């Protein structure tokens, strides 16, 4: 990942404590609000609990930079899919990649 000269922001440090110190320096623990308001790409890897159900909704999307790209490999309901479509139509969300959609599981 270093050849791309990227910085990585995350809001949970459980997984990243296992990285070696050279690689770990590229990762910065920040608040959830900082992640969603500054990121160009957001990759979701979270468990589904009450607090994460539809945590990505119109309110969260409104805080994002225009043109953000979202990759969801977490549980499907962490994103409000109707809000995702609405905010894609307005240009806030440039691209959304979903592992599973609600309409596929009904």
Protein backbone atom coordinates (compact mmCIF):
# COMPACT_ATOMS: atom_id res chain seq x y z
CA UNK A 1 0.00 0.00 0.00
CA UNK A 2 2.87 2.39 0.54
CA UNK A 3 3.62 2.99 -3.16
CA UNK A 4 0.36 4.91 -3.41
CA UNK A 5 1.47 7.34 -0.69
CA UNK A 6 -1.90 7.17 1.07
CA UNK A 7 -2.85 7.83 4.64
CA UNK A 8 -5.41 5.59 6.29
CA UNK A 9 -7.93 6.82 8.85
CA UNK A 10 -9.94 4.43 10.96
CA UNK A 11 -12.32 4.70 13.87
CA UNK A 12 -11.60 1.37 15.55
CA UNK A 13 -8.19 0.10 16.58
CA UNK A 14 -8.90 -3.55 17.37
CA UNK A 15 -7.64 -4.98 14.08
CA UNK A 16 -4.79 -2.58 13.40
CA UNK A 17 -2.86 -3.23 16.61
CA UNK A 18 -1.37 -6.29 14.91
CA UNK A 19 0.44 -4.32 12.17
CA UNK A 20 4.16 -3.78 12.46
CA UNK A 21 5.28 -0.28 13.42
CA UNK A 22 6.49 0.75 9.94
CA UNK A 23 3.17 -0.08 8.34
CA UNK A 24 1.14 1.11 11.33
CA UNK A 25 2.49 4.67 11.06
CA UNK A 26 0.38 5.15 7.95
CA UNK A 27 -2.79 4.51 9.99
CA UNK A 28 -4.39 7.19 12.16
CA UNK A 29 -7.10 6.58 14.72
CA UNK A 30 -9.70 9.33 14.33
CA UNK A 31 -13.35 9.82 15.21
CA UNK A 32 -16.12 8.35 13.09
CA UNK A 33 -17.13 11.91 12.13
CA UNK A 34 -13.58 12.63 10.88
CA UNK A 35 -13.56 9.46 8.80
CA UNK A 36 -16.84 10.18 7.04
CA UNK A 37 -16.16 13.88 6.53
CA UNK A 38 -12.62 13.60 5.12
CA UNK A 39 -12.38 10.29 3.27
CA UNK A 40 -12.33 9.86 -0.50
CA UNK A 41 -12.87 6.10 -0.10
CA UNK A 42 -14.71 4.39 2.74
CA UNK A 43 -14.45 0.65 3.21
CA UNK A 44 -16.86 -0.81 5.77
CA UNK A 45 -15.84 -3.77 7.91
CA UNK A 46 -18.10 -3.76 10.96
CA UNK A 47 -20.32 -6.08 12.92
CA UNK A 48 -24.04 -5.61 12.87
CA UNK A 49 -25.20 -4.37 16.25
CA UNK A 50 -27.97 -1.96 17.19
CA UNK A 51 -25.59 1.03 16.96
CA UNK A 52 -24.42 0.14 13.43
CA UNK A 53 -27.82 -0.62 11.90
CA UNK A 54 -28.22 1.90 9.04
CA UNK A 55 -25.41 4.01 10.50
CA UNK A 56 -24.76 5.15 6.93
CA UNK A 57 -27.92 7.12 6.16
CA UNK A 58 -28.93 10.54 4.80
CA UNK A 59 -27.48 12.31 7.86
CA UNK A 60 -24.12 10.53 7.56
CA UNK A 61 -23.97 10.95 3.78
CA UNK A 62 -24.62 14.69 4.13
CA UNK A 63 -21.37 14.98 6.15
CA UNK A 64 -19.29 13.35 3.39
CA UNK A 65 -17.16 14.95 0.72
CA UNK A 66 -18.84 15.08 -2.65
CA UNK A 67 -17.74 12.16 -4.81
CA UNK A 68 -16.90 9.70 -2.03
CA UNK A 69 -16.71 6.01 -2.91
CA UNK A 70 -18.05 3.40 -0.49
CA UNK A 71 -17.23 -0.30 -0.33
CA UNK A 72 -19.45 -2.30 2.01
CA UNK A 73 -18.20 -5.77 2.91
CA UNK A 74 -19.92 -5.58 6.29
CA UNK A 75 -23.46 -6.65 7.04
CA UNK A 76 -25.89 -5.27 4.52
CA UNK A 77 -28.00 -3.18 6.87
CA UNK A 78 -25.19 -0.87 8.00
CA UNK A 79 -26.13 1.20 4.93
CA UNK A 80 -29.60 2.58 4.32
CA UNK A 81 -29.85 1.56 0.67
CA UNK A 82 -32.62 4.06 -0.15
CA UNK A 83 -30.43 6.86 1.23
CA UNK A 84 -27.47 5.53 -0.76
CA UNK A 85 -29.45 5.75 -3.99
CA UNK A 86 -30.74 9.25 -3.16
CA UNK A 87 -27.28 10.54 -2.31
CA UNK A 88 -25.76 8.87 -5.37
CA UNK A 89 -28.29 10.76 -7.49
CA UNK A 90 -27.17 14.07 -5.90
CA UNK A 91 -23.48 13.32 -6.48
CA UNK A 92 -22.41 12.92 -2.86
CA UNK A 93 -21.77 9.22 -3.45
CA UNK A 94 -19.80 8.63 -6.65
CA UNK A 95 -19.80 4.86 -6.37
CA UNK A 96 -21.14 2.27 -3.97
CA UNK A 97 -20.02 -1.34 -3.96
CA UNK A 98 -22.19 -3.64 -1.86
CA UNK A 99 -21.45 -7.24 -0.98
CA UNK A 100 -25.12 -7.97 -0.32
CA UNK A 101 -28.24 -5.90 -1.03
CA UNK A 102 -31.53 -6.08 0.85
CA UNK A 103 -33.46 -6.71 -2.37
CA UNK A 104 -31.41 -9.86 -3.02
CA UNK A 105 -32.30 -11.40 0.33
CA UNK A 106 -36.06 -10.90 0.41
